[in-house]
Amino acid sequence: MDKTIGKVTTRQESILEGGHHIISAVRLANGLERLLSGTILYRAADGWRPLPVNYTTEKPAAILLDPVVAQTSGAVAAAAIHGAIRNNKVVFANGAPATTNVADDLRTAGIYLLGDPLPSAEAPVIVTNTGDHSVSVGEALALSFLVAPQNEETITYQWYSNTSASASGGTAIEGATGENYTVDTATAGTRYFYCVATSHLNNTEASVTSAVSTVTIAA
């Protein structure tokens, strides 16, 4: 005797490519609006939300099939939870395209992107690292941290000062956003600096941190 144990709903949209695709009715978090069809969603504690461009731990699991215009309150939307989708139809909430990183995560959820996704930023390669320095009060001193992009990324720099010999937890130095930083040597003492260089590509970023530079300023 045959027995029906469940039901699979299928739907084919212009966003999808060929065959049938499993969709699901997902309950959106409240307060969302102006979402494009193709928006990548993840399941949050308060409902489904669009995946941030620079996500870290959130895992994408669905692709929104219809646009959301009005602000959501208890709204249910159709989303693809399995199948092959054209890469150029998949976007983040701000309209940024999907990249290789999110394509890999989507695949683990059973959603496969057709066509090559745009590359994600890779951490730049260190060319010249910082070093330790000893100078006298008033003596000129410039620290350098030079990196090279791995692909076509744009590189930005930010220097930090710290109260200990650590390359984390420091204070960003206002205006110190180049590969070189001129240290203020007007006062004697020991000071610590480091720099973070960040690659930017297709709305993704990846960073590398310099070694700590210990600067000793003698009276």
N, C-alpha and C. Protein backbone atom coordinates (compact mmCIF):
# COMPACT_ATOMS: atom_id res chain seq x y z
N MET A 1 0.85 -1.17 0.00
CA MET A 1 0.00 0.00 0.00
C MET A 1 0.90 1.25 0.00
N ASP A 2 0.61 2.16 -0.91
CA ASP A 2 1.37 3.40 -0.96
C ASP A 2 0.93 4.34 0.14
N LYS A 3 1.87 5.09 0.64
CA LYS A 3 1.54 6.03 1.71
C LYS A 3 2.28 7.34 1.48
N THR A 4 1.56 8.42 1.54
CA THR A 4 2.20 9.73 1.39
C THR A 4 2.78 10.16 2.74
N ILE A 5 4.08 10.40 2.77
CA ILE A 5 4.73 10.74 4.04
C ILE A 5 5.21 12.20 4.05
N GLY A 6 5.00 12.92 2.98
CA GLY A 6 5.42 14.31 2.97
C GLY A 6 5.14 14.93 1.62
N LYS A 7 5.40 16.20 1.50
CA LYS A 7 5.12 16.91 0.27
C LYS A 7 6.26 17.88 -0.02
N VAL A 8 6.72 17.85 -1.26
CA VAL A 8 7.77 18.75 -1.70
C VAL A 8 7.16 19.74 -2.68
N THR A 9 7.32 21.00 -2.42
CA THR A 9 6.82 22.03 -3.32
C THR A 9 7.95 22.45 -4.26
N THR A 10 7.67 22.52 -5.55
CA THR A 10 8.69 22.93 -6.51
C THR A 10 8.22 24.18 -7.24
N ARG A 11 9.17 24.95 -7.68
CA ARG A 11 8.85 26.18 -8.38
C ARG A 11 10.05 26.59 -9.22
N GLN A 12 9.78 27.10 -10.39
CA GLN A 12 10.87 27.53 -11.26
C GLN A 12 10.70 29.01 -11.56
N GLU A 13 11.74 29.76 -11.29
CA GLU A 13 11.70 31.21 -11.46
C GLU A 13 12.83 31.65 -12.40
N SER A 14 12.76 32.87 -12.87
CA SER A 14 13.82 33.37 -13.73
C SER A 14 15.15 33.44 -12.99
N ILE A 15 15.06 33.53 -11.67
CA ILE A 15 16.28 33.56 -10.86
C ILE A 15 16.99 32.21 -10.89
N LEU A 16 16.23 31.14 -11.15
CA LEU A 16 16.77 29.80 -11.12
C LEU A 16 17.09 29.32 -12.53
N GLU A 17 17.87 28.28 -12.61
CA GLU A 17 18.32 27.80 -13.92
C GLU A 17 17.96 26.34 -14.10
N GLY A 18 16.96 26.06 -14.91
CA GLY A 18 16.64 24.69 -15.30
C GLY A 18 16.10 23.81 -14.19
N GLY A 19 15.36 22.79 -14.57
CA GLY A 19 14.88 21.78 -13.63
C GLY A 19 13.94 22.35 -12.58
N HIS A 20 13.76 21.59 -11.52
CA HIS A 20 12.90 22.01 -10.42
C HIS A 20 13.74 22.27 -9.18
N HIS A 21 13.26 23.16 -8.36
CA HIS A 21 14.02 23.57 -7.19
C HIS A 21 13.11 23.56 -5.98
N ILE A 22 13.63 23.02 -4.90
CA ILE A 22 12.86 22.94 -3.67
C ILE A 22 12.79 24.33 -3.04
N ILE A 23 11.58 24.76 -2.73
CA ILE A 23 11.43 26.04 -2.06
C ILE A 23 10.78 25.82 -0.70
N SER A 24 10.86 26.83 0.11
CA SER A 24 10.26 26.75 1.43
C SER A 24 9.70 28.12 1.79
N ALA A 25 8.66 28.13 2.61
CA ALA A 25 8.13 29.38 3.14
C ALA A 25 8.91 29.72 4.40
N VAL A 26 9.68 30.79 4.35
CA VAL A 26 10.51 31.18 5.49
C VAL A 26 9.90 32.42 6.14
N ARG A 27 9.93 32.45 7.45
CA ARG A 27 9.40 33.59 8.19
C ARG A 27 10.52 34.61 8.38
N LEU A 28 10.31 35.80 7.82
CA LEU A 28 11.33 36.85 7.89
C LEU A 28 11.30 37.55 9.24
N ALA A 29 12.46 38.02 9.67
CA ALA A 29 12.53 38.83 10.89
C ALA A 29 11.78 40.13 10.66
N ASN A 30 11.27 40.71 11.71
CA ASN A 30 10.52 41.96 11.60
C ASN A 30 11.45 43.13 11.27
N GLY A 31 10.88 44.11 10.58
CA GLY A 31 11.62 45.34 10.31
C GLY A 31 12.48 45.33 9.07
N LEU A 32 12.36 44.30 8.23
CA LEU A 32 13.13 44.25 6.99
C LEU A 32 12.34 44.93 5.88
N GLU A 33 13.03 45.54 4.92
CA GLU A 33 12.35 46.15 3.78
C GLU A 33 13.33 46.34 2.64
N ARG A 34 12.78 46.55 1.45
CA ARG A 34 13.54 46.80 0.24
C ARG A 34 14.61 45.73 -0.01
N LEU A 35 14.22 44.47 0.05
CA LEU A 35 15.12 43.37 -0.27
C LEU A 35 14.89 42.94 -1.71
N LEU A 36 15.97 42.74 -2.44
CA LEU A 36 15.89 42.30 -3.82
C LEU A 36 15.61 40.80 -3.89
N SER A 37 14.95 40.36 -4.98
CA SER A 37 14.88 38.93 -5.22
C SER A 37 16.32 38.45 -5.45
N GLY A 38 16.63 37.28 -4.95
CA GLY A 38 18.00 36.79 -5.02
C GLY A 38 18.82 37.09 -3.79
N THR A 39 18.24 37.79 -2.81
CA THR A 39 18.98 38.10 -1.58
C THR A 39 19.31 36.83 -0.81
N ILE A 40 20.54 36.73 -0.35
CA ILE A 40 20.99 35.58 0.43
C ILE A 40 20.49 35.73 1.86
N LEU A 41 19.85 34.68 2.36
CA LEU A 41 19.28 34.72 3.71
C LEU A 41 19.97 33.72 4.63
N TYR A 42 19.96 34.01 5.92
CA TYR A 42 20.39 33.04 6.92
C TYR A 42 19.37 33.04 8.05
N ARG A 43 19.34 31.97 8.79
CA ARG A 43 18.34 31.83 9.85
C ARG A 43 18.89 32.39 11.16
N ALA A 44 18.31 33.50 11.61
CA ALA A 44 18.69 34.11 12.87
C ALA A 44 17.69 33.72 13.96
N ALA A 45 17.97 34.12 15.18
CA ALA A 45 17.10 33.75 16.30
C ALA A 45 15.70 34.33 16.15
N ASP A 46 15.60 35.50 15.53
CA ASP A 46 14.29 36.16 15.42
C ASP A 46 13.66 36.01 14.05
N GLY A 47 14.19 35.09 13.23
CA GLY A 47 13.64 34.87 11.90
C GLY A 47 14.74 34.95 10.85
N TRP A 48 14.36 34.81 9.59
CA TRP A 48 15.34 34.83 8.51
C TRP A 48 15.74 36.26 8.19
N ARG A 49 17.04 36.47 8.03
CA ARG A 49 17.59 37.80 7.77
C ARG A 49 18.54 37.76 6.58
N PRO A 50 18.74 38.92 5.93
CA PRO A 50 19.73 38.96 4.84
C PRO A 50 21.14 38.82 5.39
N LEU A 51 21.96 38.10 4.66
CA LEU A 51 23.34 37.88 5.08
C LEU A 51 24.16 39.15 4.90
N PRO A 52 24.91 39.58 5.93
CA PRO A 52 25.76 40.76 5.77
C PRO A 52 26.87 40.49 4.76
N VAL A 53 27.32 41.53 4.08
CA VAL A 53 28.38 41.37 3.08
C VAL A 53 29.64 40.80 3.73
N ASN A 54 30.05 41.36 4.85
CA ASN A 54 31.26 40.91 5.53
C ASN A 54 30.89 39.99 6.70
N TYR A 55 30.17 38.91 6.36
CA TYR A 55 29.73 37.99 7.40
C TYR A 55 30.90 37.17 7.91
N THR A 56 30.76 36.63 9.11
CA THR A 56 31.81 35.79 9.67
C THR A 56 31.27 34.40 10.00
N THR A 57 30.33 34.31 10.94
CA THR A 57 29.86 32.99 11.36
C THR A 57 28.51 32.61 10.78
N GLU A 58 27.72 33.60 10.30
CA GLU A 58 26.40 33.27 9.77
C GLU A 58 26.56 32.42 8.51
N LYS A 59 25.75 31.38 8.40
CA LYS A 59 25.81 30.52 7.23
C LYS A 59 24.58 30.73 6.37
N PRO A 60 24.75 31.08 5.08
CA PRO A 60 23.60 31.26 4.20
C PRO A 60 22.90 29.93 3.97
N ALA A 61 21.57 29.95 3.89
CA ALA A 61 20.83 28.71 3.72
C ALA A 61 19.65 28.84 2.79
N ALA A 62 19.37 30.03 2.26
CA ALA A 62 18.22 30.21 1.38
C ALA A 62 18.42 31.43 0.50
N ILE A 63 17.72 31.44 -0.65
CA ILE A 63 17.76 32.55 -1.58
C ILE A 63 16.34 33.08 -1.75
N LEU A 64 16.13 34.35 -1.45
CA LEU A 64 14.81 34.95 -1.55
C LEU A 64 14.35 34.97 -3.01
N LEU A 65 13.10 34.49 -3.27
CA LEU A 65 12.60 34.41 -4.63
C LEU A 65 11.87 35.67 -5.09
N ASP A 66 11.22 36.35 -4.18
CA ASP A 66 10.46 37.55 -4.54
C ASP A 66 10.99 38.74 -3.76
N PRO A 67 10.95 39.93 -4.33
CA PRO A 67 11.41 41.12 -3.60
C PRO A 67 10.51 41.43 -2.42
N VAL A 68 11.10 42.03 -1.40
CA VAL A 68 10.35 42.49 -0.23
C VAL A 68 10.40 44.01 -0.25
N VAL A 69 9.25 44.65 -0.36
CA VAL A 69 9.19 46.11 -0.48
C VAL A 69 8.85 46.75 0.85
N ALA A 70 7.68 46.42 1.38
CA ALA A 70 7.22 47.03 2.64
C ALA A 70 7.94 46.42 3.83
N GLN A 71 7.97 47.16 4.93
CA GLN A 71 8.62 46.67 6.15
C GLN A 71 7.90 45.43 6.66
N THR A 72 8.66 44.44 7.03
CA THR A 72 8.09 43.15 7.42
C THR A 72 7.63 43.14 8.87
N SER A 73 6.53 42.43 9.11
CA SER A 73 6.02 42.17 10.45
C SER A 73 5.25 40.86 10.38
N GLY A 74 5.89 39.79 10.81
CA GLY A 74 5.27 38.47 10.69
C GLY A 74 5.16 37.98 9.27
N ALA A 75 6.00 38.50 8.36
CA ALA A 75 5.90 38.15 6.95
C ALA A 75 6.53 36.80 6.65
N VAL A 76 5.90 36.08 5.73
CA VAL A 76 6.42 34.81 5.24
C VAL A 76 6.76 34.98 3.77
N ALA A 77 7.93 34.50 3.35
CA ALA A 77 8.39 34.67 1.97
C ALA A 77 8.84 33.33 1.41
N ALA A 78 8.76 33.21 0.10
CA ALA A 78 9.24 32.01 -0.58
C ALA A 78 10.74 32.13 -0.84
N ALA A 79 11.47 31.07 -0.55
CA ALA A 79 12.91 31.09 -0.75
C ALA A 79 13.38 29.74 -1.24
N ALA A 80 14.36 29.74 -2.11
CA ALA A 80 14.96 28.50 -2.60
C ALA A 80 15.89 27.95 -1.52
N ILE A 81 15.72 26.69 -1.18
CA ILE A 81 16.56 26.07 -0.17
C ILE A 81 17.43 24.96 -0.76
N HIS A 82 17.25 24.69 -2.05
CA HIS A 82 18.06 23.68 -2.71
C HIS A 82 17.96 23.91 -4.21
N GLY A 83 19.04 23.66 -4.93
CA GLY A 83 19.00 23.75 -6.38
C GLY A 83 20.14 24.57 -6.94
N ALA A 84 20.13 24.74 -8.27
CA ALA A 84 21.16 25.50 -8.97
C ALA A 84 20.63 26.87 -9.34
N ILE A 85 21.40 27.88 -9.06
CA ILE A 85 20.97 29.26 -9.26
C ILE A 85 22.06 30.02 -10.02
N ARG A 86 21.64 30.83 -10.96
CA ARG A 86 22.61 31.61 -11.71
C ARG A 86 23.32 32.59 -10.78
N ASN A 87 24.64 32.60 -10.87
CA ASN A 87 25.42 33.41 -9.96
C ASN A 87 25.07 34.90 -10.04
N ASN A 88 24.77 35.39 -11.26
CA ASN A 88 24.51 36.82 -11.40
C ASN A 88 23.14 37.23 -10.89
N LYS A 89 22.36 36.28 -10.37
CA LYS A 89 21.06 36.60 -9.79
C LYS A 89 21.09 36.58 -8.26
N VAL A 90 22.24 36.22 -7.69
CA VAL A 90 22.36 36.10 -6.24
C VAL A 90 23.09 37.32 -5.70
N VAL A 91 22.50 37.97 -4.70
CA VAL A 91 23.06 39.22 -4.20
C VAL A 91 22.98 39.27 -2.67
N PHE A 92 23.77 40.17 -2.09
CA PHE A 92 23.61 40.54 -0.70
C PHE A 92 22.52 41.61 -0.62
N ALA A 93 22.12 41.96 0.58
CA ALA A 93 21.02 42.91 0.76
C ALA A 93 21.31 44.27 0.14
N ASN A 94 22.58 44.66 0.09
CA ASN A 94 22.93 45.96 -0.48
C ASN A 94 23.17 45.91 -1.98
N GLY A 95 22.87 44.76 -2.59
CA GLY A 95 23.03 44.62 -4.03
C GLY A 95 24.38 44.11 -4.46
N ALA A 96 25.32 43.92 -3.51
CA ALA A 96 26.65 43.41 -3.85
C ALA A 96 26.54 41.97 -4.33
N PRO A 97 27.36 41.59 -5.30
CA PRO A 97 27.28 40.23 -5.85
C PRO A 97 27.87 39.19 -4.91
N ALA A 98 27.46 37.94 -5.13
CA ALA A 98 28.03 36.84 -4.36
C ALA A 98 29.48 36.61 -4.78
N THR A 99 30.30 36.17 -3.85
CA THR A 99 31.70 35.93 -4.12
C THR A 99 32.03 34.47 -3.85
N THR A 100 33.30 34.10 -4.07
CA THR A 100 33.70 32.71 -3.90
C THR A 100 33.46 32.20 -2.48
N ASN A 101 33.66 33.06 -1.49
CA ASN A 101 33.44 32.64 -0.10
C ASN A 101 32.01 32.20 0.14
N VAL A 102 31.05 33.04 -0.27
CA VAL A 102 29.65 32.70 -0.04
C VAL A 102 29.21 31.56 -0.94
N ALA A 103 29.80 31.43 -2.12
CA ALA A 103 29.46 30.31 -3.00
C ALA A 103 29.81 28.99 -2.33
N ASP A 104 30.94 28.94 -1.65
CA ASP A 104 31.33 27.71 -0.94
C ASP A 104 30.35 27.40 0.19
N ASP A 105 29.93 28.43 0.93
CA ASP A 105 29.00 28.20 2.03
C ASP A 105 27.62 27.81 1.52
N LEU A 106 27.19 28.41 0.42
CA LEU A 106 25.90 28.04 -0.15
C LEU A 106 25.89 26.57 -0.58
N ARG A 107 27.01 26.11 -1.10
CA ARG A 107 27.09 24.72 -1.55
C ARG A 107 26.87 23.76 -0.39
N THR A 108 27.36 24.11 0.80
CA THR A 108 27.15 23.22 1.95
C THR A 108 25.68 23.18 2.35
N ALA A 109 24.91 24.19 1.94
CA ALA A 109 23.47 24.21 2.23
C ALA A 109 22.65 23.61 1.09
N GLY A 110 23.33 23.11 0.05
CA GLY A 110 22.63 22.49 -1.06
C GLY A 110 22.22 23.44 -2.16
N ILE A 111 22.77 24.65 -2.17
CA ILE A 111 22.49 25.62 -3.22
C ILE A 111 23.76 25.82 -4.04
N TYR A 112 23.66 25.57 -5.34
CA TYR A 112 24.83 25.59 -6.20
C TYR A 112 24.75 26.76 -7.17
N LEU A 113 25.78 27.58 -7.21
CA LEU A 113 25.81 28.72 -8.11
C LEU A 113 26.38 28.32 -9.46
N LEU A 114 25.66 28.66 -10.52
CA LEU A 114 26.10 28.37 -11.88
C LEU A 114 26.84 29.58 -12.43
N GLY A 115 28.03 29.36 -12.96
CA GLY A 115 28.88 30.45 -13.41
C GLY A 115 29.89 30.78 -12.34
N ASP A 116 30.97 31.38 -12.74
CA ASP A 116 32.04 31.68 -11.80
C ASP A 116 31.67 32.89 -10.94
N PRO A 117 31.65 32.72 -9.62
CA PRO A 117 31.40 33.87 -8.74
C PRO A 117 32.60 34.80 -8.74
N LEU A 118 32.38 36.04 -8.35
CA LEU A 118 33.48 36.99 -8.26
C LEU A 118 34.44 36.59 -7.15
N PRO A 119 35.73 36.84 -7.33
CA PRO A 119 36.69 36.45 -6.30
C PRO A 119 36.53 37.27 -5.03
N SER A 120 36.84 36.64 -3.90
CA SER A 120 36.85 37.32 -2.61
C SER A 120 38.25 37.87 -2.34
N ALA A 121 38.33 38.84 -1.46
CA ALA A 121 39.63 39.40 -1.08
C ALA A 121 40.44 38.35 -0.33
N GLU A 122 41.74 38.35 -0.58
CA GLU A 122 42.67 37.51 0.16
C GLU A 122 43.61 38.40 0.96
N ALA A 123 44.07 37.89 2.08
CA ALA A 123 44.97 38.68 2.93
C ALA A 123 46.22 39.06 2.13
N PRO A 124 46.64 40.31 2.20
CA PRO A 124 47.83 40.72 1.45
C PRO A 124 49.09 40.04 1.97
N VAL A 125 50.11 40.04 1.13
CA VAL A 125 51.39 39.42 1.47
C VAL A 125 52.33 40.49 2.04
N ILE A 126 52.94 40.19 3.15
CA ILE A 126 53.87 41.14 3.78
C ILE A 126 55.15 41.24 2.96
N VAL A 127 55.52 42.46 2.59
CA VAL A 127 56.76 42.71 1.87
C VAL A 127 57.83 43.25 2.83
N THR A 128 57.47 44.26 3.62
CA THR A 128 58.38 44.84 4.60
C THR A 128 57.66 44.95 5.93
N ASN A 129 58.21 44.32 6.96
CA ASN A 129 57.59 44.35 8.27
C ASN A 129 58.21 45.45 9.13
N THR A 130 57.51 45.78 10.21
CA THR A 130 58.06 46.77 11.14
C THR A 130 59.19 46.16 11.94
N GLY A 131 59.98 47.00 12.59
CA GLY A 131 61.06 46.52 13.44
C GLY A 131 61.15 47.37 14.69
N ASP A 132 62.03 46.99 15.61
CA ASP A 132 62.25 47.76 16.83
C ASP A 132 63.24 48.89 16.56
N HIS A 133 63.07 50.00 17.27
CA HIS A 133 63.92 51.17 17.03
C HIS A 133 64.27 51.85 18.34
N SER A 134 65.49 52.39 18.39
CA SER A 134 65.93 53.21 19.53
C SER A 134 66.41 54.55 18.97
N VAL A 135 65.81 55.62 19.47
CA VAL A 135 66.17 56.97 19.00
C VAL A 135 66.27 57.89 20.20
N SER A 136 66.79 59.08 19.95
CA SER A 136 66.86 60.12 20.98
C SER A 136 65.66 61.04 20.84
N VAL A 137 65.34 61.75 21.90
CA VAL A 137 64.24 62.71 21.87
C VAL A 137 64.45 63.70 20.72
N GLY A 138 63.43 63.89 19.92
CA GLY A 138 63.49 64.83 18.80
C GLY A 138 64.06 64.25 17.53
N GLU A 139 64.60 63.04 17.59
CA GLU A 139 65.16 62.43 16.38
C GLU A 139 64.02 61.92 15.48
N ALA A 140 64.19 62.09 14.18
CA ALA A 140 63.16 61.67 13.23
C ALA A 140 63.09 60.13 13.15
N LEU A 141 61.87 59.62 13.12
CA LEU A 141 61.68 58.17 13.01
C LEU A 141 60.38 57.88 12.26
N ALA A 142 60.49 57.10 11.19
CA ALA A 142 59.32 56.68 10.43
C ALA A 142 59.27 55.15 10.42
N LEU A 143 58.14 54.58 10.83
CA LEU A 143 57.92 53.14 10.76
C LEU A 143 57.31 52.79 9.42
N SER A 144 57.64 51.60 8.92
CA SER A 144 57.14 51.16 7.62
C SER A 144 56.55 49.77 7.70
N PHE A 145 55.43 49.59 7.02
CA PHE A 145 54.82 48.27 6.87
C PHE A 145 54.25 48.21 5.46
N LEU A 146 54.88 47.44 4.61
CA LEU A 146 54.49 47.39 3.20
C LEU A 146 53.97 45.99 2.86
N VAL A 147 52.84 45.95 2.19
CA VAL A 147 52.26 44.68 1.77
C VAL A 147 51.93 44.74 0.27
N ALA A 148 51.67 43.59 -0.32
CA ALA A 148 51.30 43.52 -1.73
C ALA A 148 50.00 42.73 -1.86
N PRO A 149 49.09 43.17 -2.74
CA PRO A 149 47.85 42.42 -2.94
C PRO A 149 48.12 41.10 -3.65
N GLN A 150 47.26 40.11 -3.41
CA GLN A 150 47.42 38.82 -4.08
C GLN A 150 46.72 38.80 -5.44
N ASN A 151 45.68 39.63 -5.59
CA ASN A 151 44.97 39.68 -6.86
C ASN A 151 44.84 41.15 -7.28
N GLU A 152 43.62 41.64 -7.38
CA GLU A 152 43.41 43.02 -7.79
C GLU A 152 42.82 43.83 -6.65
N GLU A 153 43.12 43.45 -5.42
CA GLU A 153 42.56 44.13 -4.27
C GLU A 153 43.12 45.54 -4.11
N THR A 154 42.31 46.38 -3.46
CA THR A 154 42.78 47.68 -3.01
C THR A 154 43.24 47.52 -1.56
N ILE A 155 44.37 48.13 -1.22
CA ILE A 155 44.95 47.98 0.12
C ILE A 155 44.75 49.26 0.92
N THR A 156 44.32 49.11 2.17
CA THR A 156 44.28 50.23 3.11
C THR A 156 45.10 49.89 4.34
N TYR A 157 45.61 50.92 5.00
CA TYR A 157 46.44 50.74 6.19
C TYR A 157 45.84 51.49 7.37
N GLN A 158 46.06 50.94 8.57
CA GLN A 158 45.72 51.65 9.80
C GLN A 158 46.76 51.33 10.86
N TRP A 159 47.41 52.37 11.38
CA TRP A 159 48.39 52.19 12.45
C TRP A 159 47.72 52.32 13.82
N TYR A 160 48.28 51.58 14.78
CA TYR A 160 47.76 51.57 16.15
C TYR A 160 48.90 51.78 17.13
N SER A 161 48.59 52.43 18.24
CA SER A 161 49.53 52.51 19.37
C SER A 161 49.00 51.61 20.48
N ASN A 162 49.91 51.12 21.30
CA ASN A 162 49.49 50.21 22.37
C ASN A 162 50.30 50.48 23.62
N THR A 163 49.78 50.02 24.74
CA THR A 163 50.47 50.21 26.01
C THR A 163 51.35 49.01 26.36
N SER A 164 51.30 47.97 25.54
CA SER A 164 52.14 46.79 25.76
C SER A 164 52.59 46.26 24.40
N ALA A 165 53.51 45.32 24.42
CA ALA A 165 54.06 44.76 23.18
C ALA A 165 53.10 43.73 22.59
N SER A 166 51.92 44.17 22.21
CA SER A 166 50.90 43.28 21.65
C SER A 166 50.36 43.89 20.36
N ALA A 167 50.10 43.04 19.38
CA ALA A 167 49.54 43.49 18.10
C ALA A 167 48.03 43.34 18.08
N SER A 168 47.41 43.59 19.20
CA SER A 168 45.94 43.61 19.27
C SER A 168 45.53 44.48 20.45
N GLY A 169 44.31 45.00 20.38
CA GLY A 169 43.79 45.80 21.48
C GLY A 169 44.33 47.20 21.56
N GLY A 170 45.02 47.66 20.51
CA GLY A 170 45.58 48.99 20.53
C GLY A 170 44.56 50.05 20.15
N THR A 171 45.02 51.29 20.13
CA THR A 171 44.17 52.44 19.78
C THR A 171 44.55 52.94 18.40
N ALA A 172 43.55 53.05 17.52
CA ALA A 172 43.82 53.54 16.17
C ALA A 172 44.35 54.97 16.22
N ILE A 173 45.40 55.24 15.47
CA ILE A 173 45.99 56.57 15.42
C ILE A 173 45.32 57.36 14.30
N GLU A 174 44.70 58.45 14.65
CA GLU A 174 43.96 59.24 13.67
C GLU A 174 44.89 59.75 12.57
N GLY A 175 44.50 59.52 11.33
CA GLY A 175 45.27 60.00 10.20
C GLY A 175 46.43 59.12 9.79
N ALA A 176 46.73 58.07 10.58
CA ALA A 176 47.86 57.18 10.26
C ALA A 176 47.35 56.04 9.39
N THR A 177 47.17 56.33 8.10
CA THR A 177 46.52 55.38 7.20
C THR A 177 47.35 55.09 5.95
N GLY A 178 48.66 55.20 6.10
CA GLY A 178 49.55 54.89 4.99
C GLY A 178 50.52 53.80 5.38
N GLU A 179 51.35 53.39 4.43
CA GLU A 179 52.32 52.32 4.74
C GLU A 179 53.44 52.81 5.64
N ASN A 180 53.60 54.13 5.76
CA ASN A 180 54.60 54.72 6.66
C ASN A 180 53.93 55.54 7.75
N TYR A 181 54.52 55.54 8.94
CA TYR A 181 54.00 56.33 10.05
C TYR A 181 55.16 57.03 10.75
N THR A 182 55.07 58.36 10.87
CA THR A 182 56.09 59.15 11.54
C THR A 182 55.78 59.24 13.03
N VAL A 183 56.68 58.73 13.83
CA VAL A 183 56.49 58.68 15.29
C VAL A 183 56.81 60.04 15.90
N ASP A 184 55.98 60.43 16.85
CA ASP A 184 56.25 61.65 17.62
C ASP A 184 57.29 61.30 18.69
N THR A 185 58.49 61.84 18.55
CA THR A 185 59.59 61.50 19.48
C THR A 185 59.91 62.65 20.45
N ALA A 186 58.93 63.48 20.70
CA ALA A 186 59.17 64.65 21.56
C ALA A 186 59.36 64.29 23.03
N THR A 187 58.86 63.09 23.43
CA THR A 187 58.90 62.69 24.83
C THR A 187 59.63 61.37 24.98
N ALA A 188 60.50 61.28 25.99
CA ALA A 188 61.24 60.04 26.24
C ALA A 188 60.30 58.96 26.75
N GLY A 189 60.67 57.71 26.49
CA GLY A 189 59.88 56.57 26.98
C GLY A 189 59.85 55.45 25.95
N THR A 190 59.18 54.37 26.32
CA THR A 190 59.04 53.22 25.43
C THR A 190 57.60 53.15 24.94
N ARG A 191 57.43 53.05 23.64
CA ARG A 191 56.10 53.03 23.05
C ARG A 191 56.00 51.86 22.08
N TYR A 192 54.77 51.42 21.82
CA TYR A 192 54.54 50.24 20.98
C TYR A 192 53.56 50.59 19.86
N PHE A 193 53.87 50.08 18.66
CA PHE A 193 53.04 50.36 17.50
C PHE A 193 52.89 49.10 16.65
N TYR A 194 51.78 49.04 15.94
CA TYR A 194 51.60 47.99 14.91
C TYR A 194 50.65 48.52 13.86
N CYS A 195 50.58 47.82 12.75
CA CYS A 195 49.76 48.27 11.63
C CYS A 195 48.94 47.11 11.09
N VAL A 196 47.72 47.41 10.67
CA VAL A 196 46.85 46.41 10.03
C VAL A 196 46.63 46.85 8.58
N ALA A 197 46.97 45.96 7.66
CA ALA A 197 46.76 46.22 6.23
C ALA A 197 45.59 45.35 5.77
N THR A 198 44.65 45.95 5.06
CA THR A 198 43.43 45.26 4.66
C THR A 198 43.24 45.30 3.16
N SER A 199 42.97 44.13 2.59
CA SER A 199 42.64 44.02 1.16
C SER A 199 41.14 44.18 0.99
N HIS A 200 40.72 44.90 -0.05
CA HIS A 200 39.30 45.09 -0.35
C HIS A 200 39.04 44.68 -1.79
N LEU A 201 38.05 43.79 -1.98
CA LEU A 201 37.70 43.34 -3.33
C LEU A 201 36.26 42.83 -3.34
N ASN A 202 35.45 43.37 -4.23
CA ASN A 202 34.06 42.91 -4.40
C ASN A 202 33.29 42.87 -3.08
N ASN A 203 33.42 43.95 -2.31
CA ASN A 203 32.71 44.10 -1.03
C ASN A 203 33.13 43.07 0.01
N THR A 204 34.30 42.48 -0.15
CA THR A 204 34.86 41.60 0.87
C THR A 204 36.21 42.17 1.28
N GLU A 205 36.69 41.74 2.43
CA GLU A 205 37.99 42.22 2.90
C GLU A 205 38.72 41.13 3.68
N ALA A 206 40.03 41.23 3.71
CA ALA A 206 40.88 40.31 4.47
C ALA A 206 42.11 41.09 4.92
N SER A 207 42.56 40.83 6.14
CA SER A 207 43.60 41.67 6.74
C SER A 207 44.81 40.87 7.17
N VAL A 208 45.93 41.56 7.30
CA VAL A 208 47.15 41.01 7.88
C VAL A 208 47.71 42.06 8.82
N THR A 209 48.27 41.62 9.93
CA THR A 209 48.78 42.53 10.96
C THR A 209 50.30 42.46 11.03
N SER A 210 50.92 43.60 11.19
CA SER A 210 52.38 43.65 11.29
C SER A 210 52.85 43.10 12.63
N ALA A 211 54.15 42.94 12.73
CA ALA A 211 54.75 42.67 14.02
C ALA A 211 54.67 43.93 14.88
N VAL A 212 54.81 43.77 16.17
CA VAL A 212 54.83 44.94 17.07
C VAL A 212 56.17 45.63 16.93
N SER A 213 56.13 46.94 16.83
CA SER A 213 57.34 47.73 16.79
C SER A 213 57.53 48.40 18.15
N THR A 214 58.61 48.04 18.83
CA THR A 214 58.93 48.66 20.11
C THR A 214 59.86 49.84 19.86
N VAL A 215 59.41 51.02 20.23
CA VAL A 215 60.19 52.23 20.00
C VAL A 215 60.67 52.78 21.34
N THR A 216 61.98 52.83 21.51
CA THR A 216 62.58 53.37 22.74
C THR A 216 63.13 54.76 22.45
N ILE A 217 62.61 55.74 23.17
CA ILE A 217 63.04 57.15 22.96
C ILE A 217 63.82 57.57 24.20
N ALA A 218 65.12 57.83 24.00
CA ALA A 218 65.99 58.18 25.12
C ALA A 218 66.11 59.68 25.25
N ALA A 219 66.18 60.13 26.50
CA ALA A 219 66.33 61.58 26.76
C ALA A 219 67.71 62.05 26.37
